[in-house]
Amino acid sequence: GYFMAVFGTPEPPDKDSVDSGRFFLGQRGADTPGERGDLMLLVH
């Protein structure tokens, strides 16, 4: 699957930078699409 992950200004502890390897889901949580092996285009 393909996604675009958009990153604003990092605000630890939840909101990270693109190079962190972690994207905060917020209110969407575990029902958010995306599975192992899917690809995200990482955008600032």
ModelCIF file with pLDDT and N, C-alpha, C, O atoms, coordinates in Angstrom:
data_MODEL
#
_entry.id   MODEL 
#
_entity.id                         1 
_entity.type                       polymer 
_entity.pdbx_number_of_molecules   1 
#
_entity_poly.entity_id                      1 
_entity_poly.type                           'polypeptide(L)' 
_entity_poly.nstd_linkage                   no 
_entity_poly.nstd_monomer                   no 
_entity_poly.pdbx_seq_one_letter_code       GYFMAVFGTPEPPDKDSVDSGRFFLGQRGADTPGERGDLMLLVH 
_entity_poly.pdbx_seq_one_letter_code_can   GYFMAVFGTPEPPDKDSVDSGRFFLGQRGADTPGERGDLMLLVH 
_entity_poly.pdbx_strand_id                 A 
#
loop_
_entity_poly_seq.entity_id 
_entity_poly_seq.num 
_entity_poly_seq.mon_id 
_entity_poly_seq.hetero 
1 1  GLY n 
1 2  TYR n 
1 3  PHE n 
1 4  MET n 
1 5  ALA n 
1 6  VAL n 
1 7  PHE n 
1 8  GLY n 
1 9  THR n 
1 10 PRO n 
1 11 GLU n 
1 12 PRO n 
1 13 PRO n 
1 14 ASP n 
1 15 LYS n 
1 16 ASP n 
1 17 SER n 
1 18 VAL n 
1 19 ASP n 
1 20 SER n 
1 21 GLY n 
1 22 ARG n 
1 23 PHE n 
1 24 PHE n 
1 25 LEU n 
1 26 GLY n 
1 27 GLN n 
1 28 ARG n 
1 29 GLY n 
1 30 ALA n 
1 31 ASP n 
1 32 THR n 
1 33 PRO n 
1 34 GLY n 
1 35 GLU n 
1 36 ARG n 
1 37 GLY n 
1 38 ASP n 
1 39 LEU n 
1 40 MET n 
1 41 LEU n 
1 42 LEU n 
1 43 VAL n 
1 44 HIS n 
#
_struct_asym.id          A 
_struct_asym.entity_id   1 
#
loop_
_ma_qa_metric.id 
_ma_qa_metric.mode 
_ma_qa_metric.name 
_ma_qa_metric.software_group_id 
_ma_qa_metric.type 
1 global pLDDT . pLDDT 
2 local  pLDDT . pLDDT 
#
_ma_qa_metric_global.metric_id      1 
_ma_qa_metric_global.metric_value   87.39 
_ma_qa_metric_global.model_id       1 
_ma_qa_metric_global.ordinal_id     1 
#
loop_
_ma_qa_metric_local.label_asym_id 
_ma_qa_metric_local.label_comp_id 
_ma_qa_metric_local.label_seq_id 
_ma_qa_metric_local.metric_id 
_ma_qa_metric_local.metric_value 
_ma_qa_metric_local.model_id 
_ma_qa_metric_local.ordinal_id 
A GLY 1  2 94.00 1 1  
A TYR 2  2 96.00 1 2  
A PHE 3  2 95.00 1 3  
A MET 4  2 94.00 1 4  
A ALA 5  2 94.00 1 5  
A VAL 6  2 93.00 1 6  
A PHE 7  2 93.00 1 7  
A GLY 8  2 90.00 1 8  
A THR 9  2 89.00 1 9  
A PRO 10 2 89.00 1 10 
A GLU 11 2 87.00 1 11 
A PRO 12 2 84.00 1 12 
A PRO 13 2 84.00 1 13 
A ASP 14 2 85.00 1 14 
A LYS 15 2 88.00 1 15 
A ASP 16 2 91.00 1 16 
A SER 17 2 90.00 1 17 
A VAL 18 2 91.00 1 18 
A ASP 19 2 91.00 1 19 
A SER 20 2 93.00 1 20 
A GLY 21 2 94.00 1 21 
A ARG 22 2 94.00 1 22 
A PHE 23 2 93.00 1 23 
A PHE 24 2 90.00 1 24 
A LEU 25 2 86.00 1 25 
A GLY 26 2 76.00 1 26 
A GLN 27 2 66.00 1 27 
A ARG 28 2 64.00 1 28 
A GLY 29 2 57.00 1 29 
A ALA 30 2 58.00 1 30 
A ASP 31 2 66.00 1 31 
A THR 32 2 78.00 1 32 
A PRO 33 2 79.00 1 33 
A GLY 34 2 86.00 1 34 
A GLU 35 2 91.00 1 35 
A ARG 36 2 94.00 1 36 
A GLY 37 2 95.00 1 37 
A ASP 38 2 96.00 1 38 
A LEU 39 2 96.00 1 39 
A MET 40 2 97.00 1 40 
A LEU 41 2 97.00 1 41 
A LEU 42 2 96.00 1 42 
A VAL 43 2 94.00 1 43 
A HIS 44 2 91.00 1 44 
#
loop_
_atom_site.group_PDB 
_atom_site.id 
_atom_site.type_symbol 
_atom_site.label_atom_id 
_atom_site.label_alt_id 
_atom_site.label_comp_id 
_atom_site.label_asym_id 
_atom_site.label_entity_id 
_atom_site.label_seq_id 
_atom_site.pdbx_PDB_ins_code 
_atom_site.Cartn_x 
_atom_site.Cartn_y 
_atom_site.Cartn_z 
_atom_site.occupancy 
_atom_site.B_iso_or_equiv 
_atom_site.pdbx_formal_charge 
_atom_site.auth_seq_id 
_atom_site.auth_comp_id 
_atom_site.auth_asym_id 
_atom_site.auth_atom_id 
_atom_site.pdbx_PDB_model_num 
ATOM 1   N N  . GLY A 1 1  ? 0.856  -1.170 0.000  1.00 94.00 ? 1  GLY A N  1 
ATOM 2   C CA . GLY A 1 1  ? 0.000  0.000  0.000  1.00 94.00 ? 1  GLY A CA 1 
ATOM 3   C C  . GLY A 1 1  ? 0.900  1.230  0.000  1.00 94.00 ? 1  GLY A C  1 
ATOM 4   O O  . GLY A 1 1  ? 2.065  1.150  0.388  1.00 94.00 ? 1  GLY A O  1 
ATOM 5   N N  . TYR A 1 2  ? 0.371  2.351  -0.427 1.00 96.00 ? 2  TYR A N  1 
ATOM 6   C CA . TYR A 1 2  ? 1.149  3.590  -0.510 1.00 96.00 ? 2  TYR A CA 1 
ATOM 7   C C  . TYR A 1 2  ? 0.447  4.684  0.275  1.00 96.00 ? 2  TYR A C  1 
ATOM 8   O O  . TYR A 1 2  ? -0.777 4.812  0.246  1.00 96.00 ? 2  TYR A O  1 
ATOM 9   N N  . PHE A 1 3  ? 1.251  5.465  0.975  1.00 95.00 ? 3  PHE A N  1 
ATOM 10  C CA . PHE A 1 3  ? 0.738  6.539  1.821  1.00 95.00 ? 3  PHE A CA 1 
ATOM 11  C C  . PHE A 1 3  ? 1.662  7.744  1.736  1.00 95.00 ? 3  PHE A C  1 
ATOM 12  O O  . PHE A 1 3  ? 2.807  7.641  1.295  1.00 95.00 ? 3  PHE A O  1 
ATOM 13  N N  . MET A 1 4  ? 1.146  8.875  2.163  1.00 94.00 ? 4  MET A N  1 
ATOM 14  C CA . MET A 1 4  ? 1.968  10.063 2.349  1.00 94.00 ? 4  MET A CA 1 
ATOM 15  C C  . MET A 1 4  ? 1.846  10.442 3.808  1.00 94.00 ? 4  MET A C  1 
ATOM 16  O O  . MET A 1 4  ? 0.750  10.692 4.310  1.00 94.00 ? 4  MET A O  1 
ATOM 17  N N  . ALA A 1 5  ? 2.989  10.485 4.489  1.00 94.00 ? 5  ALA A N  1 
ATOM 18  C CA . ALA A 1 5  ? 3.037  10.892 5.894  1.00 94.00 ? 5  ALA A CA 1 
ATOM 19  C C  . ALA A 1 5  ? 3.609  12.299 5.942  1.00 94.00 ? 5  ALA A C  1 
ATOM 20  O O  . ALA A 1 5  ? 4.722  12.550 5.480  1.00 94.00 ? 5  ALA A O  1 
ATOM 21  N N  . VAL A 1 6  ? 2.835  13.207 6.505  1.00 93.00 ? 6  VAL A N  1 
ATOM 22  C CA . VAL A 1 6  ? 3.204  14.622 6.565  1.00 93.00 ? 6  VAL A CA 1 
ATOM 23  C C  . VAL A 1 6  ? 3.644  14.947 7.991  1.00 93.00 ? 6  VAL A C  1 
ATOM 24  O O  . VAL A 1 6  ? 2.937  14.641 8.950  1.00 93.00 ? 6  VAL A O  1 
ATOM 25  N N  . PHE A 1 7  ? 4.808  15.565 8.121  1.00 93.00 ? 7  PHE A N  1 
ATOM 26  C CA . PHE A 1 7  ? 5.409  15.898 9.413  1.00 93.00 ? 7  PHE A CA 1 
ATOM 27  C C  . PHE A 1 7  ? 5.537  17.401 9.578  1.00 93.00 ? 7  PHE A C  1 
ATOM 28  O O  . PHE A 1 7  ? 6.179  18.068 8.766  1.00 93.00 ? 7  PHE A O  1 
ATOM 29  N N  . GLY A 1 8  ? 4.923  17.937 10.632 1.00 90.00 ? 8  GLY A N  1 
ATOM 30  C CA . GLY A 1 8  ? 5.103  19.335 10.989 1.00 90.00 ? 8  GLY A CA 1 
ATOM 31  C C  . GLY A 1 8  ? 6.340  19.499 11.859 1.00 90.00 ? 8  GLY A C  1 
ATOM 32  O O  . GLY A 1 8  ? 7.235  18.654 11.833 1.00 90.00 ? 8  GLY A O  1 
ATOM 33  N N  . THR A 1 9  ? 6.395  20.571 12.621 1.00 89.00 ? 9  THR A N  1 
ATOM 34  C CA . THR A 1 9  ? 7.512  20.800 13.534 1.00 89.00 ? 9  THR A CA 1 
ATOM 35  C C  . THR A 1 9  ? 7.490  19.742 14.638 1.00 89.00 ? 9  THR A C  1 
ATOM 36  O O  . THR A 1 9  ? 6.462  19.559 15.289 1.00 89.00 ? 9  THR A O  1 
ATOM 37  N N  . PRO A 1 10 ? 8.603  19.044 14.859 1.00 89.00 ? 10 PRO A N  1 
ATOM 38  C CA . PRO A 1 10 ? 8.629  18.013 15.907 1.00 89.00 ? 10 PRO A CA 1 
ATOM 39  C C  . PRO A 1 10 ? 8.309  18.601 17.279 1.00 89.00 ? 10 PRO A C  1 
ATOM 40  O O  . PRO A 1 10 ? 8.840  19.643 17.665 1.00 89.00 ? 10 PRO A O  1 
ATOM 41  N N  . GLU A 1 11 ? 7.430  17.914 18.007 1.00 87.00 ? 11 GLU A N  1 
ATOM 42  C CA . GLU A 1 11 ? 7.040  18.320 19.353 1.00 87.00 ? 11 GLU A CA 1 
ATOM 43  C C  . GLU A 1 11 ? 7.046  17.085 20.248 1.00 87.00 ? 11 GLU A C  1 
ATOM 44  O O  . GLU A 1 11 ? 6.002  16.474 20.477 1.00 87.00 ? 11 GLU A O  1 
ATOM 45  N N  . PRO A 1 12 ? 8.247  16.710 20.762 1.00 84.00 ? 12 PRO A N  1 
ATOM 46  C CA . PRO A 1 12 ? 8.329  15.527 21.619 1.00 84.00 ? 12 PRO A CA 1 
ATOM 47  C C  . PRO A 1 12 ? 7.409  15.671 22.824 1.00 84.00 ? 12 PRO A C  1 
ATOM 48  O O  . PRO A 1 12 ? 7.183  16.797 23.268 1.00 84.00 ? 12 PRO A O  1 
ATOM 49  N N  . PRO A 1 13 ? 6.871  14.595 23.372 1.00 84.00 ? 13 PRO A N  1 
ATOM 50  C CA . PRO A 1 13 ? 7.300  13.221 23.113 1.00 84.00 ? 13 PRO A CA 1 
ATOM 51  C C  . PRO A 1 13 ? 6.510  12.521 22.024 1.00 84.00 ? 13 PRO A C  1 
ATOM 52  O O  . PRO A 1 13 ? 6.895  11.423 21.624 1.00 84.00 ? 13 PRO A O  1 
ATOM 53  N N  . ASP A 1 14 ? 5.417  13.101 21.519 1.00 85.00 ? 14 ASP A N  1 
ATOM 54  C CA . ASP A 1 14 ? 4.586  12.383 20.560 1.00 85.00 ? 14 ASP A CA 1 
ATOM 55  C C  . ASP A 1 14 ? 4.927  12.643 19.101 1.00 85.00 ? 14 ASP A C  1 
ATOM 56  O O  . ASP A 1 14 ? 4.966  11.710 18.299 1.00 85.00 ? 14 ASP A O  1 
ATOM 57  N N  . LYS A 1 15 ? 5.168  13.864 18.759 1.00 88.00 ? 15 LYS A N  1 
ATOM 58  C CA . LYS A 1 15 ? 5.383  14.212 17.361 1.00 88.00 ? 15 LYS A CA 1 
ATOM 59  C C  . LYS A 1 15 ? 6.874  14.282 17.063 1.00 88.00 ? 15 LYS A C  1 
ATOM 60  O O  . LYS A 1 15 ? 7.609  15.088 17.635 1.00 88.00 ? 15 LYS A O  1 
ATOM 61  N N  . ASP A 1 16 ? 7.294  13.419 16.158 1.00 91.00 ? 16 ASP A N  1 
ATOM 62  C CA . ASP A 1 16 ? 8.711  13.241 15.857 1.00 91.00 ? 16 ASP A CA 1 
ATOM 63  C C  . ASP A 1 16 ? 9.087  13.855 14.516 1.00 91.00 ? 16 ASP A C  1 
ATOM 64  O O  . ASP A 1 16 ? 8.233  14.334 13.771 1.00 91.00 ? 16 ASP A O  1 
ATOM 65  N N  . SER A 1 17 ? 10.383 13.828 14.228 1.00 90.00 ? 17 SER A N  1 
ATOM 66  C CA . SER A 1 17 ? 10.888 14.278 12.944 1.00 90.00 ? 17 SER A CA 1 
ATOM 67  C C  . SER A 1 17 ? 10.855 13.114 11.954 1.00 90.00 ? 17 SER A C  1 
ATOM 68  O O  . SER A 1 17 ? 10.708 11.958 12.350 1.00 90.00 ? 17 SER A O  1 
ATOM 69  N N  . VAL A 1 18 ? 10.991 13.420 10.686 1.00 91.00 ? 18 VAL A N  1 
ATOM 70  C CA . VAL A 1 18 ? 10.932 12.424 9.621  1.00 91.00 ? 18 VAL A CA 1 
ATOM 71  C C  . VAL A 1 18 ? 11.932 11.297 9.837  1.00 91.00 ? 18 VAL A C  1 
ATOM 72  O O  . VAL A 1 18 ? 11.611 10.132 9.600  1.00 91.00 ? 18 VAL A O  1 
ATOM 73  N N  . ASP A 1 19 ? 13.131 11.624 10.281 1.00 91.00 ? 19 ASP A N  1 
ATOM 74  C CA . ASP A 1 19 ? 14.189 10.613 10.400 1.00 91.00 ? 19 ASP A CA 1 
ATOM 75  C C  . ASP A 1 19 ? 14.091 9.754  11.665 1.00 91.00 ? 19 ASP A C  1 
ATOM 76  O O  . ASP A 1 19 ? 14.956 8.910  11.900 1.00 91.00 ? 19 ASP A O  1 
ATOM 77  N N  . SER A 1 20 ? 13.062 9.953  12.472 1.00 93.00 ? 20 SER A N  1 
ATOM 78  C CA . SER A 1 20 ? 12.917 9.234  13.741 1.00 93.00 ? 20 SER A CA 1 
ATOM 79  C C  . SER A 1 20 ? 12.521 7.771  13.585 1.00 93.00 ? 20 SER A C  1 
ATOM 80  O O  . SER A 1 20 ? 12.813 6.951  14.456 1.00 93.00 ? 20 SER A O  1 
ATOM 81  N N  . GLY A 1 21 ? 11.857 7.440  12.479 1.00 94.00 ? 21 GLY A N  1 
ATOM 82  C CA . GLY A 1 21 ? 11.345 6.086  12.303 1.00 94.00 ? 21 GLY A CA 1 
ATOM 83  C C  . GLY A 1 21 ? 10.016 5.857  13.002 1.00 94.00 ? 21 GLY A C  1 
ATOM 84  O O  . GLY A 1 21 ? 9.587  4.717  13.179 1.00 94.00 ? 21 GLY A O  1 
ATOM 85  N N  . ARG A 1 22 ? 9.357  6.963  13.402 1.00 94.00 ? 22 ARG A N  1 
ATOM 86  C CA . ARG A 1 22 ? 8.093  6.847  14.140 1.00 94.00 ? 22 ARG A CA 1 
ATOM 87  C C  . ARG A 1 22 ? 7.144  7.966  13.713 1.00 94.00 ? 22 ARG A C  1 
ATOM 88  O O  . ARG A 1 22 ? 7.520  9.137  13.667 1.00 94.00 ? 22 ARG A O  1 
ATOM 89  N N  . PHE A 1 23 ? 5.893  7.577  13.400 1.00 93.00 ? 23 PHE A N  1 
ATOM 90  C CA . PHE A 1 23 ? 4.877  8.552  13.017 1.00 93.00 ? 23 PHE A CA 1 
ATOM 91  C C  . PHE A 1 23 ? 3.719  8.449  13.995 1.00 93.00 ? 23 PHE A C  1 
ATOM 92  O O  . PHE A 1 23 ? 3.157  7.371  14.192 1.00 93.00 ? 23 PHE A O  1 
ATOM 93  N N  . PHE A 1 24 ? 3.364  9.566  14.603 1.00 90.00 ? 24 PHE A N  1 
ATOM 94  C CA . PHE A 1 24 ? 2.290  9.651  15.580 1.00 90.00 ? 24 PHE A CA 1 
ATOM 95  C C  . PHE A 1 24 ? 0.939  9.573  14.889 1.00 90.00 ? 24 PHE A C  1 
ATOM 96  O O  . PHE A 1 24 ? 0.671  10.330 13.956 1.00 90.00 ? 24 PHE A O  1 
ATOM 97  N N  . LEU A 1 25 ? 0.080  8.655  15.347 1.00 86.00 ? 25 LEU A N  1 
ATOM 98  C CA . LEU A 1 25 ? -1.229 8.468  14.727 1.00 86.00 ? 25 LEU A CA 1 
ATOM 99  C C  . LEU A 1 25 ? -2.313 9.352  15.315 1.00 86.00 ? 25 LEU A C  1 
ATOM 100 O O  . LEU A 1 25 ? -3.356 9.541  14.689 1.00 86.00 ? 25 LEU A O  1 
ATOM 101 N N  . GLY A 1 26 ? -2.093 9.892  16.493 1.00 76.00 ? 26 GLY A N  1 
ATOM 102 C CA . GLY A 1 26 ? -3.093 10.759 17.102 1.00 76.00 ? 26 GLY A CA 1 
ATOM 103 C C  . GLY A 1 26 ? -4.386 10.031 17.369 1.00 76.00 ? 26 GLY A C  1 
ATOM 104 O O  . GLY A 1 26 ? -4.381 8.893  17.839 1.00 76.00 ? 26 GLY A O  1 
ATOM 105 N N  . GLN A 1 27 ? -5.495 10.682 17.070 1.00 66.00 ? 27 GLN A N  1 
ATOM 106 C CA . GLN A 1 27 ? -6.811 10.124 17.363 1.00 66.00 ? 27 GLN A CA 1 
ATOM 107 C C  . GLN A 1 27 ? -7.189 8.964  16.451 1.00 66.00 ? 27 GLN A C  1 
ATOM 108 O O  . GLN A 1 27 ? -8.084 8.189  16.788 1.00 66.00 ? 27 GLN A O  1 
ATOM 109 N N  . ARG A 1 28 ? -6.540 8.831  15.325 1.00 64.00 ? 28 ARG A N  1 
ATOM 110 C CA . ARG A 1 28 ? -6.896 7.770  14.382 1.00 64.00 ? 28 ARG A CA 1 
ATOM 111 C C  . ARG A 1 28 ? -6.545 6.390  14.937 1.00 64.00 ? 28 ARG A C  1 
ATOM 112 O O  . ARG A 1 28 ? -7.303 5.439  14.749 1.00 64.00 ? 28 ARG A O  1 
ATOM 113 N N  . GLY A 1 29 ? -5.406 6.275  15.618 1.00 57.00 ? 29 GLY A N  1 
ATOM 114 C CA . GLY A 1 29 ? -5.024 5.047  16.295 1.00 57.00 ? 29 GLY A CA 1 
ATOM 115 C C  . GLY A 1 29 ? -4.835 3.842  15.403 1.00 57.00 ? 29 GLY A C  1 
ATOM 116 O O  . GLY A 1 29 ? -4.554 3.971  14.211 1.00 57.00 ? 29 GLY A O  1 
ATOM 117 N N  . ALA A 1 30 ? -4.996 2.647  15.999 1.00 58.00 ? 30 ALA A N  1 
ATOM 118 C CA . ALA A 1 30 ? -4.659 1.390  15.345 1.00 58.00 ? 30 ALA A CA 1 
ATOM 119 C C  . ALA A 1 30 ? -5.547 1.058  14.148 1.00 58.00 ? 30 ALA A C  1 
ATOM 120 O O  . ALA A 1 30 ? -5.177 0.210  13.336 1.00 58.00 ? 30 ALA A O  1 
ATOM 121 N N  . ASP A 1 31 ? -6.706 1.701  14.014 1.00 66.00 ? 31 ASP A N  1 
ATOM 122 C CA . ASP A 1 31 ? -7.555 1.421  12.854 1.00 66.00 ? 31 ASP A CA 1 
ATOM 123 C C  . ASP A 1 31 ? -7.058 2.130  11.593 1.00 66.00 ? 31 ASP A C  1 
ATOM 124 O O  . ASP A 1 31 ? -7.656 1.986  10.527 1.00 66.00 ? 31 ASP A O  1 
ATOM 125 N N  . THR A 1 32 ? -5.977 2.889  11.707 1.00 78.00 ? 32 THR A N  1 
ATOM 126 C CA . THR A 1 32 ? -5.377 3.564  10.570 1.00 78.00 ? 32 THR A CA 1 
ATOM 127 C C  . THR A 1 32 ? -4.850 2.530  9.584  1.00 78.00 ? 32 THR A C  1 
ATOM 128 O O  . THR A 1 32 ? -4.243 1.543  10.000 1.00 78.00 ? 32 THR A O  1 
ATOM 129 N N  . PRO A 1 33 ? -5.069 2.732  8.285  1.00 79.00 ? 33 PRO A N  1 
ATOM 130 C CA . PRO A 1 33 ? -4.530 1.784  7.307  1.00 79.00 ? 33 PRO A CA 1 
ATOM 131 C C  . PRO A 1 33 ? -3.006 1.759  7.354  1.00 79.00 ? 33 PRO A C  1 
ATOM 132 O O  . PRO A 1 33 ? -2.368 2.674  7.875  1.00 79.00 ? 33 PRO A O  1 
ATOM 133 N N  . GLY A 1 34 ? -2.456 0.721  6.815  1.00 86.00 ? 34 GLY A N  1 
ATOM 134 C CA . GLY A 1 34 ? -1.000 0.571  6.762  1.00 86.00 ? 34 GLY A CA 1 
ATOM 135 C C  . GLY A 1 34 ? -0.577 -0.707 7.445  1.00 86.00 ? 34 GLY A C  1 
ATOM 136 O O  . GLY A 1 34 ? -0.909 -0.952 8.605  1.00 86.00 ? 34 GLY A O  1 
ATOM 137 N N  . GLU A 1 35 ? 0.164  -1.520 6.708  1.00 91.00 ? 35 GLU A N  1 
ATOM 138 C CA . GLU A 1 35 ? 0.636  -2.798 7.221  1.00 91.00 ? 35 GLU A CA 1 
ATOM 139 C C  . GLU A 1 35 ? 2.124  -2.935 6.947  1.00 91.00 ? 35 GLU A C  1 
ATOM 140 O O  . GLU A 1 35 ? 2.699  -2.160 6.183  1.00 91.00 ? 35 GLU A O  1 
ATOM 141 N N  . ARG A 1 36 ? 2.735  -3.918 7.569  1.00 94.00 ? 36 ARG A N  1 
ATOM 142 C CA . ARG A 1 36 ? 4.157  -4.195 7.376  1.00 94.00 ? 36 ARG A CA 1 
ATOM 143 C C  . ARG A 1 36 ? 4.465  -4.296 5.875  1.00 94.00 ? 36 ARG A C  1 
ATOM 144 O O  . ARG A 1 36 ? 3.786  -5.010 5.137  1.00 94.00 ? 36 ARG A O  1 
ATOM 145 N N  . GLY A 1 37 ? 5.486  -3.579 5.448  1.00 95.00 ? 37 GLY A N  1 
ATOM 146 C CA . GLY A 1 37 ? 5.904  -3.593 4.050  1.00 95.00 ? 37 GLY A CA 1 
ATOM 147 C C  . GLY A 1 37 ? 5.292  -2.506 3.195  1.00 95.00 ? 37 GLY A C  1 
ATOM 148 O O  . GLY A 1 37 ? 5.745  -2.279 2.073  1.00 95.00 ? 37 GLY A O  1 
ATOM 149 N N  . ASP A 1 38 ? 4.264  -1.821 3.701  1.00 96.00 ? 38 ASP A N  1 
ATOM 150 C CA . ASP A 1 38 ? 3.698  -0.701 2.946  1.00 96.00 ? 38 ASP A CA 1 
ATOM 151 C C  . ASP A 1 38 ? 4.693  0.453  2.938  1.00 96.00 ? 38 ASP A C  1 
ATOM 152 O O  . ASP A 1 38 ? 5.577  0.525  3.791  1.00 96.00 ? 38 ASP A O  1 
ATOM 153 N N  . LEU A 1 39 ? 4.543  1.349  1.976  1.00 96.00 ? 39 LEU A N  1 
ATOM 154 C CA . LEU A 1 39 ? 5.488  2.449  1.778  1.00 96.00 ? 39 LEU A CA 1 
ATOM 155 C C  . LEU A 1 39 ? 4.832  3.801  2.021  1.00 96.00 ? 39 LEU A C  1 
ATOM 156 O O  . LEU A 1 39 ? 3.711  4.061  1.582  1.00 96.00 ? 39 LEU A O  1 
ATOM 157 N N  . MET A 1 40 ? 5.559  4.647  2.728  1.00 97.00 ? 40 MET A N  1 
ATOM 158 C CA . MET A 1 40 ? 5.091  6.009  2.998  1.00 97.00 ? 40 MET A CA 1 
ATOM 159 C C  . MET A 1 40 ? 6.077  7.004  2.383  1.00 97.00 ? 40 MET A C  1 
ATOM 160 O O  . MET A 1 40 ? 7.285  6.903  2.597  1.00 97.00 ? 40 MET A O  1 
ATOM 161 N N  . LEU A 1 41 ? 5.564  7.945  1.634  1.00 97.00 ? 41 LEU A N  1 
ATOM 162 C CA . LEU A 1 41 ? 6.365  9.070  1.167  1.00 97.00 ? 41 LEU A CA 1 
ATOM 163 C C  . LEU A 1 41 ? 6.398  10.056 2.324  1.00 97.00 ? 41 LEU A C  1 
ATOM 164 O O  . LEU A 1 41 ? 5.342  10.497 2.779  1.00 97.00 ? 41 LEU A O  1 
ATOM 165 N N  . LEU A 1 42 ? 7.575  10.411 2.812  1.00 96.00 ? 42 LEU A N  1 
ATOM 166 C CA . LEU A 1 42 ? 7.739  11.235 4.012  1.00 96.00 ? 42 LEU A CA 1 
ATOM 167 C C  . LEU A 1 42 ? 7.951  12.693 3.607  1.00 96.00 ? 42 LEU A C  1 
ATOM 168 O O  . LEU A 1 42 ? 8.915  13.023 2.916  1.00 96.00 ? 42 LEU A O  1 
ATOM 169 N N  . VAL A 1 43 ? 7.034  13.563 4.049  1.00 94.00 ? 43 VAL A N  1 
ATOM 170 C CA . VAL A 1 43 ? 7.004  14.959 3.599  1.00 94.00 ? 43 VAL A CA 1 
ATOM 171 C C  . VAL A 1 43 ? 6.993  15.912 4.792  1.00 94.00 ? 43 VAL A C  1 
ATOM 172 O O  . VAL A 1 43 ? 6.309  15.667 5.785  1.00 94.00 ? 43 VAL A O  1 
ATOM 173 N N  . HIS A 1 44 ? 7.752  16.993 4.687  1.00 91.00 ? 44 HIS A N  1 
ATOM 174 C CA . HIS A 1 44 ? 7.782  18.042 5.717  1.00 91.00 ? 44 HIS A CA 1 
ATOM 175 C C  . HIS A 1 44 ? 6.663  19.051 5.463  1.00 91.00 ? 44 HIS A C  1 
ATOM 176 O O  . HIS A 1 44 ? 6.515  20.012 6.217  1.00 91.00 ? 44 HIS A O  1 
#
